[in-house]
Structure formats: C-alpha cells, structure tokens
PDB file of all heavy atoms in Angstrom:
ATOM      1  N   GLY A   1      68.080 -43.575  75.310  1.00  0.00           N
ATOM      2  CA  GLY A   1      67.593 -44.703  74.511  1.00  0.00           C
ATOM      3  C   GLY A   1      68.669 -45.255  73.598  1.00  0.00           C
ATOM      4  O   GLY A   1      68.788 -46.482  73.416  1.00  0.00           O
ATOM      5  N   LEU A   2      69.474 -44.367  73.006  1.00  0.00           N
ATOM      6  CA  LEU A   2      70.592 -44.827  72.164  1.00  0.00           C
ATOM      7  C   LEU A   2      71.569 -45.683  72.956  1.00  0.00           C
ATOM      8  O   LEU A   2      72.075 -46.704  72.457  1.00  0.00           O
ATOM      9  CB  LEU A   2      71.327 -43.622  71.569  1.00  0.00           C
ATOM     10  CG  LEU A   2      70.685 -42.900  70.384  1.00  0.00           C
ATOM     11  CD1 LEU A   2      71.539 -41.708  69.981  1.00  0.00           C
ATOM     12  CD2 LEU A   2      70.521 -43.853  69.199  1.00  0.00           C
ATOM     13  N   ALA A   3      71.861 -45.242  74.191  1.00  0.00           N
ATOM     14  CA  ALA A   3      72.778 -46.023  75.031  1.00  0.00           C
ATOM     15  C   ALA A   3      72.224 -47.420  75.282  1.00  0.00           C
ATOM     16  O   ALA A   3      72.966 -48.413  75.232  1.00  0.00           O
ATOM     17  CB  ALA A   3      73.018 -45.290  76.351  1.00  0.00           C
ATOM     18  N   MET A   4      70.922 -47.531  75.550  1.00  0.00           N
ATOM     19  CA  MET A   4      70.316 -48.846  75.771  1.00  0.00           C
ATOM     20  C   MET A   4      70.369 -49.710  74.514  1.00  0.00           C
ATOM     21  O   MET A   4      70.639 -50.919  74.581  1.00  0.00           O
ATOM     22  CB  MET A   4      68.862 -48.674  76.219  1.00  0.00           C
ATOM     23  CG  MET A   4      68.711 -48.197  77.654  1.00  0.00           C
ATOM     24  SD  MET A   4      69.172 -49.477  78.845  1.00  0.00           S
ATOM     25  CE  MET A   4      67.755 -50.566  78.739  1.00  0.00           C
ATOM     26  N   LEU A   5      70.132 -49.093  73.357  1.00  0.00           N
ATOM     27  CA  LEU A   5      70.219 -49.857  72.113  1.00  0.00           C
ATOM     28  C   LEU A   5      71.640 -50.346  71.863  1.00  0.00           C
ATOM     29  O   LEU A   5      71.872 -51.526  71.553  1.00  0.00           O
ATOM     30  CB  LEU A   5      69.768 -48.990  70.935  1.00  0.00           C
ATOM     31  CG  LEU A   5      68.266 -48.780  70.726  1.00  0.00           C
ATOM     32  CD1 LEU A   5      68.034 -47.814  69.576  1.00  0.00           C
ATOM     33  CD2 LEU A   5      67.571 -50.112  70.441  1.00  0.00           C
ATOM     34  N   GLY A   6      72.610 -49.443  71.981  1.00  0.00           N
ATOM     35  CA  GLY A   6      73.990 -49.792  71.668  1.00  0.00           C
ATOM     36  C   GLY A   6      74.605 -50.777  72.638  1.00  0.00           C
ATOM     37  O   GLY A   6      75.362 -51.673  72.237  1.00  0.00           O
ATOM     38  N   VAL A   7      74.305 -50.616  73.921  1.00  0.00           N
ATOM     39  CA  VAL A   7      74.956 -51.459  74.934  1.00  0.00           C
ATOM     40  C   VAL A   7      74.243 -52.798  75.102  1.00  0.00           C
ATOM     41  O   VAL A   7      74.889 -53.826  75.312  1.00  0.00           O
ATOM     42  CB  VAL A   7      75.025 -50.705  76.276  1.00  0.00           C
ATOM     43  CG1 VAL A   7      75.625 -51.593  77.363  1.00  0.00           C
ATOM     44  CG2 VAL A   7      75.845 -49.433  76.143  1.00  0.00           C
ATOM     45  N   PHE A   8      72.909 -52.817  74.970  1.00  0.00           N
ATOM     46  CA  PHE A   8      72.166 -54.038  75.320  1.00  0.00           C
ATOM     47  C   PHE A   8      71.325 -54.608  74.183  1.00  0.00           C
ATOM     48  O   PHE A   8      71.567 -55.739  73.738  1.00  0.00           O
ATOM     49  CB  PHE A   8      71.251 -53.762  76.529  1.00  0.00           C
ATOM     50  CG  PHE A   8      71.993 -53.348  77.757  1.00  0.00           C
ATOM     51  CD1 PHE A   8      71.904 -52.056  78.236  1.00  0.00           C
ATOM     52  CD2 PHE A   8      72.795 -54.256  78.456  1.00  0.00           C
ATOM     53  CE1 PHE A   8      72.593 -51.662  79.366  1.00  0.00           C
ATOM     54  CE2 PHE A   8      73.486 -53.873  79.589  1.00  0.00           C
ATOM     55  CZ  PHE A   8      73.386 -52.575  80.049  1.00  0.00           C
ATOM     56  N   LEU A   9      70.334 -53.877  73.700  1.00  0.00           N
ATOM     57  CA  LEU A   9      69.326 -54.481  72.831  1.00  0.00           C
ATOM     58  C   LEU A   9      69.904 -55.012  71.525  1.00  0.00           C
ATOM     59  O   LEU A   9      69.546 -56.115  71.085  1.00  0.00           O
ATOM     60  CB  LEU A   9      68.228 -53.451  72.542  1.00  0.00           C
ATOM     61  CG  LEU A   9      67.252 -53.199  73.697  1.00  0.00           C
ATOM     62  CD1 LEU A   9      66.301 -52.066  73.363  1.00  0.00           C
ATOM     63  CD2 LEU A   9      66.473 -54.464  74.029  1.00  0.00           C
ATOM     64  N   LEU A  10      70.781 -54.252  70.876  1.00  0.00           N
ATOM     65  CA  LEU A  10      71.329 -54.735  69.604  1.00  0.00           C
ATOM     66  C   LEU A  10      72.243 -55.937  69.788  1.00  0.00           C
ATOM     67  O   LEU A  10      72.544 -56.645  68.823  1.00  0.00           O
ATOM     68  CB  LEU A  10      72.088 -53.603  68.904  1.00  0.00           C
ATOM     69  CG  LEU A  10      71.214 -52.464  68.348  1.00  0.00           C
ATOM     70  CD1 LEU A  10      72.080 -51.381  67.742  1.00  0.00           C
ATOM     71  CD2 LEU A  10      70.228 -53.002  67.317  1.00  0.00           C
ATOM     72  N   ARG A  11      72.680 -56.180  71.006  1.00  0.00           N
ATOM     73  CA  ARG A  11      73.537 -57.335  71.287  1.00  0.00           C
ATOM     74  C   ARG A  11      72.730 -58.541  71.774  1.00  0.00           C
ATOM     75  O   ARG A  11      73.085 -59.686  71.490  1.00  0.00           O
ATOM     76  CB  ARG A  11      74.581 -56.968  72.353  1.00  0.00           C
ATOM     77  CG  ARG A  11      75.587 -55.912  71.919  1.00  0.00           C
ATOM     78  CD  ARG A  11      76.484 -55.522  73.082  1.00  0.00           C
ATOM     79  NE  ARG A  11      77.452 -54.506  72.705  1.00  0.00           N
ATOM     80  CZ  ARG A  11      78.663 -54.757  72.204  1.00  0.00           C
ATOM     81  NH1 ARG A  11      79.044 -56.011  72.012  1.00  0.00           N
ATOM     82  NH2 ARG A  11      79.470 -53.772  71.887  1.00  0.00           N
ATOM     83  N   GLN A  12      71.667 -58.267  72.523  1.00  0.00           N
ATOM     84  CA  GLN A  12      70.977 -59.360  73.215  1.00  0.00           C
ATOM     85  C   GLN A  12      69.648 -59.758  72.576  1.00  0.00           C
ATOM     86  O   GLN A  12      69.239 -60.910  72.663  1.00  0.00           O
ATOM     87  CB  GLN A  12      70.732 -58.965  74.677  1.00  0.00           C
ATOM     88  CG  GLN A  12      72.018 -58.722  75.459  1.00  0.00           C
ATOM     89  CD  GLN A  12      71.748 -58.268  76.882  1.00  0.00           C
ATOM     90  OE1 GLN A  12      70.603 -58.223  77.328  1.00  0.00           O
ATOM     91  NE2 GLN A  12      72.801 -57.917  77.606  1.00  0.00           N
ATOM     92  N   ALA A  13      68.923 -58.793  71.965  1.00  0.00           N
ATOM     93  CA  ALA A  13      67.613 -59.103  71.393  1.00  0.00           C
ATOM     94  C   ALA A  13      67.777 -59.864  70.077  1.00  0.00           C
ATOM     95  O   ALA A  13      68.740 -59.653  69.339  1.00  0.00           O
ATOM     96  CB  ALA A  13      66.830 -57.817  71.157  1.00  0.00           C
ATOM     97  N   ASP A  14      66.802 -60.758  69.787  1.00  0.00           N
ATOM     98  CA  ASP A  14      66.879 -61.495  68.523  1.00  0.00           C
ATOM     99  C   ASP A  14      66.243 -60.674  67.404  1.00  0.00           C
ATOM    100  O   ASP A  14      65.725 -59.581  67.611  1.00  0.00           O
ATOM    101  CB  ASP A  14      66.204 -62.864  68.655  1.00  0.00           C
ATOM    102  CG  ASP A  14      64.741 -62.767  69.071  1.00  0.00           C
ATOM    103  OD1 ASP A  14      64.075 -61.776  68.689  1.00  0.00           O
ATOM    104  OD2 ASP A  14      64.268 -63.659  69.794  1.00  0.00           O
ATOM    105  N   GLU A  15      66.298 -61.239  66.182  1.00  0.00           N
ATOM    106  CA  GLU A  15      65.842 -60.490  65.011  1.00  0.00           C
ATOM    107  C   GLU A  15      64.364 -60.150  65.090  1.00  0.00           C
ATOM    108  O   GLU A  15      63.951 -59.046  64.722  1.00  0.00           O
ATOM    109  CB  GLU A  15      66.124 -61.300  63.744  1.00  0.00           C
ATOM    110  CG  GLU A  15      65.786 -60.542  62.463  1.00  0.00           C
ATOM    111  CD  GLU A  15      66.199 -61.314  61.204  1.00  0.00           C
ATOM    112  OE1 GLU A  15      66.966 -62.293  61.341  1.00  0.00           O
ATOM    113  OE2 GLU A  15      65.749 -60.922  60.116  1.00  0.00           O
ATOM    114  N   ARG A  16      63.535 -61.066  65.593  1.00  0.00           N
ATOM    115  CA  ARG A  16      62.105 -60.800  65.696  1.00  0.00           C
ATOM    116  C   ARG A  16      61.841 -59.667  66.690  1.00  0.00           C
ATOM    117  O   ARG A  16      61.025 -58.777  66.426  1.00  0.00           O
ATOM    118  CB  ARG A  16      61.387 -62.077  66.150  1.00  0.00           C
ATOM    119  CG  ARG A  16      59.862 -61.915  66.272  1.00  0.00           C
ATOM    120  CD  ARG A  16      59.236 -63.200  66.769  1.00  0.00           C
ATOM    121  NE  ARG A  16      59.758 -63.559  68.090  1.00  0.00           N
ATOM    122  CZ  ARG A  16      59.301 -63.039  69.240  1.00  0.00           C
ATOM    123  NH1 ARG A  16      58.340 -62.126  69.217  1.00  0.00           N
ATOM    124  NH2 ARG A  16      59.812 -63.414  70.389  1.00  0.00           N
ATOM    125  N   GLU A  17      62.534 -59.683  67.819  1.00  0.00           N
ATOM    126  CA  GLU A  17      62.351 -58.631  68.830  1.00  0.00           C
ATOM    127  C   GLU A  17      62.817 -57.266  68.312  1.00  0.00           C
ATOM    128  O   GLU A  17      62.145 -56.250  68.503  1.00  0.00           O
ATOM    129  CB  GLU A  17      63.105 -58.997  70.109  1.00  0.00           C
ATOM    130  CG  GLU A  17      62.483 -60.175  70.850  1.00  0.00           C
ATOM    131  CD  GLU A  17      63.391 -60.744  71.935  1.00  0.00           C
ATOM    132  OE1 GLU A  17      64.627 -60.516  71.846  1.00  0.00           O
ATOM    133  OE2 GLU A  17      62.881 -61.407  72.850  1.00  0.00           O
ATOM    134  N   LEU A  18      63.970 -57.258  67.632  1.00  0.00           N
ATOM    135  CA  LEU A  18      64.460 -56.000  67.084  1.00  0.00           C
ATOM    136  C   LEU A  18      63.519 -55.468  66.001  1.00  0.00           C
ATOM    137  O   LEU A  18      63.348 -54.240  65.871  1.00  0.00           O
ATOM    138  CB  LEU A  18      65.864 -56.183  66.506  1.00  0.00           C
ATOM    139  CG  LEU A  18      66.994 -56.360  67.519  1.00  0.00           C
ATOM    140  CD1 LEU A  18      68.313 -56.617  66.805  1.00  0.00           C
ATOM    141  CD2 LEU A  18      67.123 -55.122  68.402  1.00  0.00           C
ATOM    142  N   GLY A  19      62.920 -56.371  65.240  1.00  0.00           N
ATOM    143  CA  GLY A  19      61.978 -55.943  64.217  1.00  0.00           C
ATOM    144  C   GLY A  19      60.782 -55.223  64.803  1.00  0.00           C
ATOM    145  O   GLY A  19      60.190 -54.354  64.156  1.00  0.00           O
ATOM    146  N   ALA A  20      60.407 -55.577  66.032  1.00  0.00           N
ATOM    147  CA  ALA A  20      59.289 -54.901  66.702  1.00  0.00           C
ATOM    148  C   ALA A  20      59.749 -53.645  67.440  1.00  0.00           C
ATOM    149  O   ALA A  20      59.030 -52.640  67.498  1.00  0.00           O
ATOM    150  CB  ALA A  20      58.615 -55.864  67.684  1.00  0.00           C
ATOM    151  N   ILE A  21      60.974 -53.687  68.004  1.00  0.00           N
ATOM    152  CA  ILE A  21      61.452 -52.577  68.852  1.00  0.00           C
ATOM    153  C   ILE A  21      61.920 -51.390  68.035  1.00  0.00           C
ATOM    154  O   ILE A  21      61.567 -50.235  68.336  1.00  0.00           O
ATOM    155  CB  ILE A  21      62.606 -53.075  69.757  1.00  0.00           C
ATOM    156  CG1 ILE A  21      62.076 -54.055  70.808  1.00  0.00           C
ATOM    157  CG2 ILE A  21      63.318 -51.903  70.435  1.00  0.00           C
ATOM    158  CD1 ILE A  21      63.173 -54.765  71.574  1.00  0.00           C
ATOM    159  N   LEU A  22      62.707 -51.632  66.985  1.00  0.00           N
ATOM    160  CA  LEU A  22      63.374 -50.530  66.289  1.00  0.00           C
ATOM    161  C   LEU A  22      62.420 -49.538  65.625  1.00  0.00           C
ATOM    162  O   LEU A  22      62.668 -48.316  65.683  1.00  0.00           O
ATOM    163  CB  LEU A  22      64.363 -51.087  65.269  1.00  0.00           C
ATOM    164  CG  LEU A  22      65.602 -51.763  65.881  1.00  0.00           C
ATOM    165  CD1 LEU A  22      66.496 -52.340  64.785  1.00  0.00           C
ATOM    166  CD2 LEU A  22      66.379 -50.779  66.745  1.00  0.00           C
ATOM    167  N   PRO A  23      61.316 -49.986  64.974  1.00  0.00           N
ATOM    168  CA  PRO A  23      60.399 -48.978  64.408  1.00  0.00           C
ATOM    169  C   PRO A  23      59.797 -48.060  65.475  1.00  0.00           C
ATOM    170  O   PRO A  23      59.634 -46.851  65.244  1.00  0.00           O
ATOM    171  CB  PRO A  23      59.319 -49.824  63.725  1.00  0.00           C
ATOM    172  CG  PRO A  23      60.002 -51.107  63.414  1.00  0.00           C
ATOM    173  CD  PRO A  23      60.931 -51.350  64.572  1.00  0.00           C
ATOM    174  N   ILE A  24      59.473 -48.629  66.651  1.00  0.00           N
ATOM    175  CA  ILE A  24      58.921 -47.803  67.731  1.00  0.00           C
ATOM    176  C   ILE A  24      59.978 -46.825  68.227  1.00  0.00           C
ATOM    177  O   ILE A  24      59.709 -45.634  68.409  1.00  0.00           O
ATOM    178  CB  ILE A  24      58.426 -48.696  68.894  1.00  0.00           C
ATOM    179  CG1 ILE A  24      57.312 -49.613  68.407  1.00  0.00           C
ATOM    180  CG2 ILE A  24      57.952 -47.834  70.063  1.00  0.00           C
ATOM    181  CD1 ILE A  24      56.873 -50.634  69.444  1.00  0.00           C
ATOM    182  N   TRP A  25      61.201 -47.353  68.419  1.00  0.00           N
ATOM    183  CA  TRP A  25      62.278 -46.474  68.886  1.00  0.00           C
ATOM    184  C   TRP A  25      62.563 -45.369  67.876  1.00  0.00           C
ATOM    185  O   TRP A  25      62.819 -44.217  68.241  1.00  0.00           O
ATOM    186  CB  TRP A  25      63.555 -47.279  69.136  1.00  0.00           C
ATOM    187  CG  TRP A  25      64.767 -46.397  69.151  1.00  0.00           C
ATOM    188  CD1 TRP A  25      65.773 -46.339  68.247  1.00  0.00           C
ATOM    189  CD2 TRP A  25      65.053 -45.382  70.120  1.00  0.00           C
ATOM    190  NE1 TRP A  25      66.669 -45.362  68.566  1.00  0.00           N
ATOM    191  CE2 TRP A  25      66.253 -44.757  69.720  1.00  0.00           C
ATOM    192  CE3 TRP A  25      64.412 -44.932  71.266  1.00  0.00           C
ATOM    193  CZ2 TRP A  25      66.830 -43.723  70.430  1.00  0.00           C
ATOM    194  CZ3 TRP A  25      64.981 -43.894  71.977  1.00  0.00           C
ATOM    195  CH2 TRP A  25      66.185 -43.296  71.575  1.00  0.00           C
ATOM    196  N   SER A  26      62.494 -45.692  66.586  1.00  0.00           N
ATOM    197  CA  SER A  26      62.763 -44.691  65.554  1.00  0.00           C
ATOM    198  C   SER A  26      61.775 -43.532  65.652  1.00  0.00           C
ATOM    199  O   SER A  26      62.152 -42.366  65.509  1.00  0.00           O
ATOM    200  CB  SER A  26      62.677 -45.346  64.170  1.00  0.00           C
ATOM    201  OG  SER A  26      62.974 -44.418  63.161  1.00  0.00           O
ATOM    202  N   ARG A  27      60.498 -43.836  65.920  1.00  0.00           N
ATOM    203  CA  ARG A  27      59.498 -42.768  66.082  1.00  0.00           C
ATOM    204  C   ARG A  27      59.783 -41.951  67.338  1.00  0.00           C
ATOM    205  O   ARG A  27      59.646 -40.718  67.350  1.00  0.00           O
ATOM    206  CB  ARG A  27      58.099 -43.370  66.116  1.00  0.00           C
ATOM    207  CG  ARG A  27      57.619 -43.897  64.762  1.00  0.00           C
ATOM    208  CD  ARG A  27      56.144 -44.195  64.772  1.00  0.00           C
ATOM    209  NE  ARG A  27      55.824 -45.363  65.592  1.00  0.00           N
ATOM    210  CZ  ARG A  27      55.827 -46.624  65.153  1.00  0.00           C
ATOM    211  NH1 ARG A  27      56.138 -46.870  63.877  1.00  0.00           N
ATOM    212  NH2 ARG A  27      55.526 -47.620  65.948  1.00  0.00           N
ATOM    213  N   TRP A  28      60.152 -42.616  68.426  1.00  0.00           N
ATOM    214  CA  TRP A  28      60.523 -41.905  69.657  1.00  0.00           C
ATOM    215  C   TRP A  28      61.666 -40.935  69.397  1.00  0.00           C
ATOM    216  O   TRP A  28      61.628 -39.780  69.823  1.00  0.00           O
ATOM    217  CB  TRP A  28      60.980 -42.904  70.719  1.00  0.00           C
ATOM    218  CG  TRP A  28      59.883 -43.653  71.407  1.00  0.00           C
ATOM    219  CD1 TRP A  28      58.578 -43.696  71.067  1.00  0.00           C
ATOM    220  CD2 TRP A  28      60.044 -44.472  72.552  1.00  0.00           C
ATOM    221  NE1 TRP A  28      57.893 -44.511  71.927  1.00  0.00           N
ATOM    222  CE2 TRP A  28      58.765 -45.006  72.857  1.00  0.00           C
ATOM    223  CE3 TRP A  28      61.116 -44.843  73.333  1.00  0.00           C
ATOM    224  CZ2 TRP A  28      58.554 -45.873  73.917  1.00  0.00           C
ATOM    225  CZ3 TRP A  28      60.918 -45.701  74.405  1.00  0.00           C
ATOM    226  CH2 TRP A  28      59.643 -46.202  74.693  1.00  0.00           C
ATOM    227  N   ALA A  29      62.689 -41.460  68.728  1.00  0.00           N
ATOM    228  CA  ALA A  29      63.871 -40.627  68.471  1.00  0.00           C
ATOM    229  C   ALA A  29      63.509 -39.410  67.628  1.00  0.00           C
ATOM    230  O   ALA A  29      63.994 -38.300  67.872  1.00  0.00           O
ATOM    231  CB  ALA A  29      64.951 -41.458  67.780  1.00  0.00           C
ATOM    232  N   ALA A  30      62.641 -39.628  66.613  1.00  0.00           N
ATOM    233  CA  ALA A  30      62.241 -38.507  65.757  1.00  0.00           C
ATOM    234  C   ALA A  30      61.512 -37.432  66.576  1.00  0.00           C
ATOM    235  O   ALA A  30      61.759 -36.231  66.412  1.00  0.00           O
ATOM    236  CB  ALA A  30      61.343 -39.011  64.630  1.00  0.00           C
ATOM    237  N   LEU A  31      60.617 -37.850  67.478  1.00  0.00           N
ATOM    238  CA  LEU A  31      59.899 -36.897  68.326  1.00  0.00           C
ATOM    239  C   LEU A  31      60.857 -36.169  69.268  1.00  0.00           C
ATOM    240  O   LEU A  31      60.743 -34.949  69.475  1.00  0.00           O
ATOM    241  CB  LEU A  31      58.815 -37.620  69.133  1.00  0.00           C
ATOM    242  CG  LEU A  31      57.588 -38.093  68.348  1.00  0.00           C
ATOM    243  CD1 LEU A  31      56.681 -38.941  69.230  1.00  0.00           C
ATOM    244  CD2 LEU A  31      56.818 -36.896  67.793  1.00  0.00           C
ATOM    245  N   ALA A  32      61.807 -36.927  69.835  1.00  0.00           N
ATOM    246  CA  ALA A  32      62.766 -36.312  70.758  1.00  0.00           C
ATOM    247  C   ALA A  32      63.637 -35.282  70.038  1.00  0.00           C
ATOM    248  O   ALA A  32      63.907 -34.199  70.565  1.00  0.00           O
ATOM    249  CB  ALA A  32      63.637 -37.390  71.409  1.00  0.00           C
ATOM    250  N   VAL A  33      64.067 -35.608  68.823  1.00  0.00           N
ATOM    251  CA  VAL A  33      64.901 -34.680  68.051  1.00  0.00           C
ATOM    252  C   VAL A  33      64.107 -33.436  67.675  1.00  0.00           C
ATOM    253  O   VAL A  33      64.623 -32.305  67.738  1.00  0.00           O
ATOM    254  CB  VAL A  33      65.461 -35.377  66.795  1.00  0.00           C
ATOM    255  CG1 VAL A  33      66.108 -34.363  65.860  1.00  0.00           C
ATOM    256  CG2 VAL A  33      66.485 -36.434  67.196  1.00  0.00           C
ATOM    257  N   CYS A  34      62.843 -33.609  67.296  1.00  0.00           N
ATOM    258  CA  CYS A  34      62.003 -32.452  66.983  1.00  0.00           C
ATOM    259  C   CYS A  34      61.861 -31.548  68.214  1.00  0.00           C
ATOM    260  O   CYS A  34      61.915 -30.311  68.093  1.00  0.00           O
ATOM    261  CB  CYS A  34      60.624 -32.908  66.505  1.00  0.00           C
ATOM    262  SG  CYS A  34      60.615 -33.614  64.844  1.00  0.00           S
ATOM    263  N   ALA A  35      61.675 -32.158  69.396  1.00  0.00           N
ATOM    264  CA  ALA A  35      61.575 -31.373  70.633  1.00  0.00           C
ATOM    265  C   ALA A  35      62.876 -30.628  70.902  1.00  0.00           C
ATOM    266  O   ALA A  35      62.868 -29.451  71.299  1.00  0.00           O
ATOM    267  CB  ALA A  35      61.232 -32.292  71.809  1.00  0.00           C
ATOM    268  N   LEU A  36      64.009 -31.307  70.663  1.00  0.00           N
ATOM    269  CA  LEU A  36      65.304 -30.664  70.855  1.00  0.00           C
ATOM    270  C   LEU A  36      65.476 -29.463  69.929  1.00  0.00           C
ATOM    271  O   LEU A  36      65.920 -28.387  70.350  1.00  0.00           O
ATOM    272  CB  LEU A  36      66.428 -31.678  70.589  1.00  0.00           C
ATOM    273  CG  LEU A  36      66.829 -32.596  71.736  1.00  0.00           C
ATOM    274  CD1 LEU A  36      67.764 -33.691  71.219  1.00  0.00           C
ATOM    275  CD2 LEU A  36      67.521 -31.812  72.834  1.00  0.00           C
ATOM    276  N   LEU A  37      65.134 -29.649  68.649  1.00  0.00           N
ATOM    277  CA  LEU A  37      65.300 -28.572  67.674  1.00  0.00           C
ATOM    278  C   LEU A  37      64.396 -27.388  68.000  1.00  0.00           C
ATOM    279  O   LEU A  37      64.833 -26.230  67.971  1.00  0.00           O
ATOM    280  CB  LEU A  37      64.997 -29.092  66.270  1.00  0.00           C
ATOM    281  CG  LEU A  37      66.057 -29.999  65.641  1.00  0.00           C
ATOM    282  CD1 LEU A  37      65.540 -30.589  64.338  1.00  0.00           C
ATOM    283  CD2 LEU A  37      67.340 -29.224  65.383  1.00  0.00           C
ATOM    284  N   LEU A  38      63.135 -27.658  68.321  1.00  0.00           N
ATOM    285  CA  LEU A  38      62.193 -26.581  68.619  1.00  0.00           C
ATOM    286  C   LEU A  38      62.606 -25.828  69.883  1.00  0.00           C
ATOM    287  O   LEU A  38      62.668 -24.588  69.896  1.00  0.00           O
ATOM    288  CB  LEU A  38      60.782 -27.153  68.772  1.00  0.00           C
ATOM    289  CG  LEU A  38      59.674 -26.134  69.088  1.00  0.00           C
ATOM    290  CD1 LEU A  38      59.565 -25.114  67.958  1.00  0.00           C
ATOM    291  CD2 LEU A  38      58.339 -26.852  69.282  1.00  0.00           C
ATOM    292  N   ALA A  39      62.907 -26.600  70.943  1.00  0.00           N
ATOM    293  CA  ALA A  39      63.304 -25.959  72.202  1.00  0.00           C
ATOM    294  C   ALA A  39      64.614 -25.210  72.051  1.00  0.00           C
ATOM    295  O   ALA A  39      64.778 -24.109  72.588  1.00  0.00           O
ATOM    296  CB  ALA A  39      63.417 -27.021  73.303  1.00  0.00           C
ATOM    297  N   GLY A  40      65.565 -25.796  71.318  1.00  0.00           N
ATOM    298  CA  GLY A  40      66.844 -25.132  71.110  1.00  0.00           C
ATOM    299  C   GLY A  40      66.706 -23.831  70.337  1.00  0.00           C
ATOM    300  O   GLY A  40      67.392 -22.843  70.624  1.00  0.00           O
TER     301      GLY A  40
END
C-alpha cells in the first residue's frame, strides 16, 4: 500500500480524493502494523 501511495496516489489524486483515501489507508496501515508486531 505504501508503494501505491508513493508512486501513484500522492502524485495523481487530487486533494479531495486524498482527503477520503488517506484516513482509510491510515487505519489499514495501523491494523497491518499491529498484525506484524503480534505475529513477530
């Protein structure tokens, strides 16, 4: 997901789209990191 944000979305999406996408992505990332920490 980070690769998609860095390579595409932060370059191509407009401010309104990023305002909707980034909060959702932030929650995804938090869940993924928690899974990584617990599993690790």
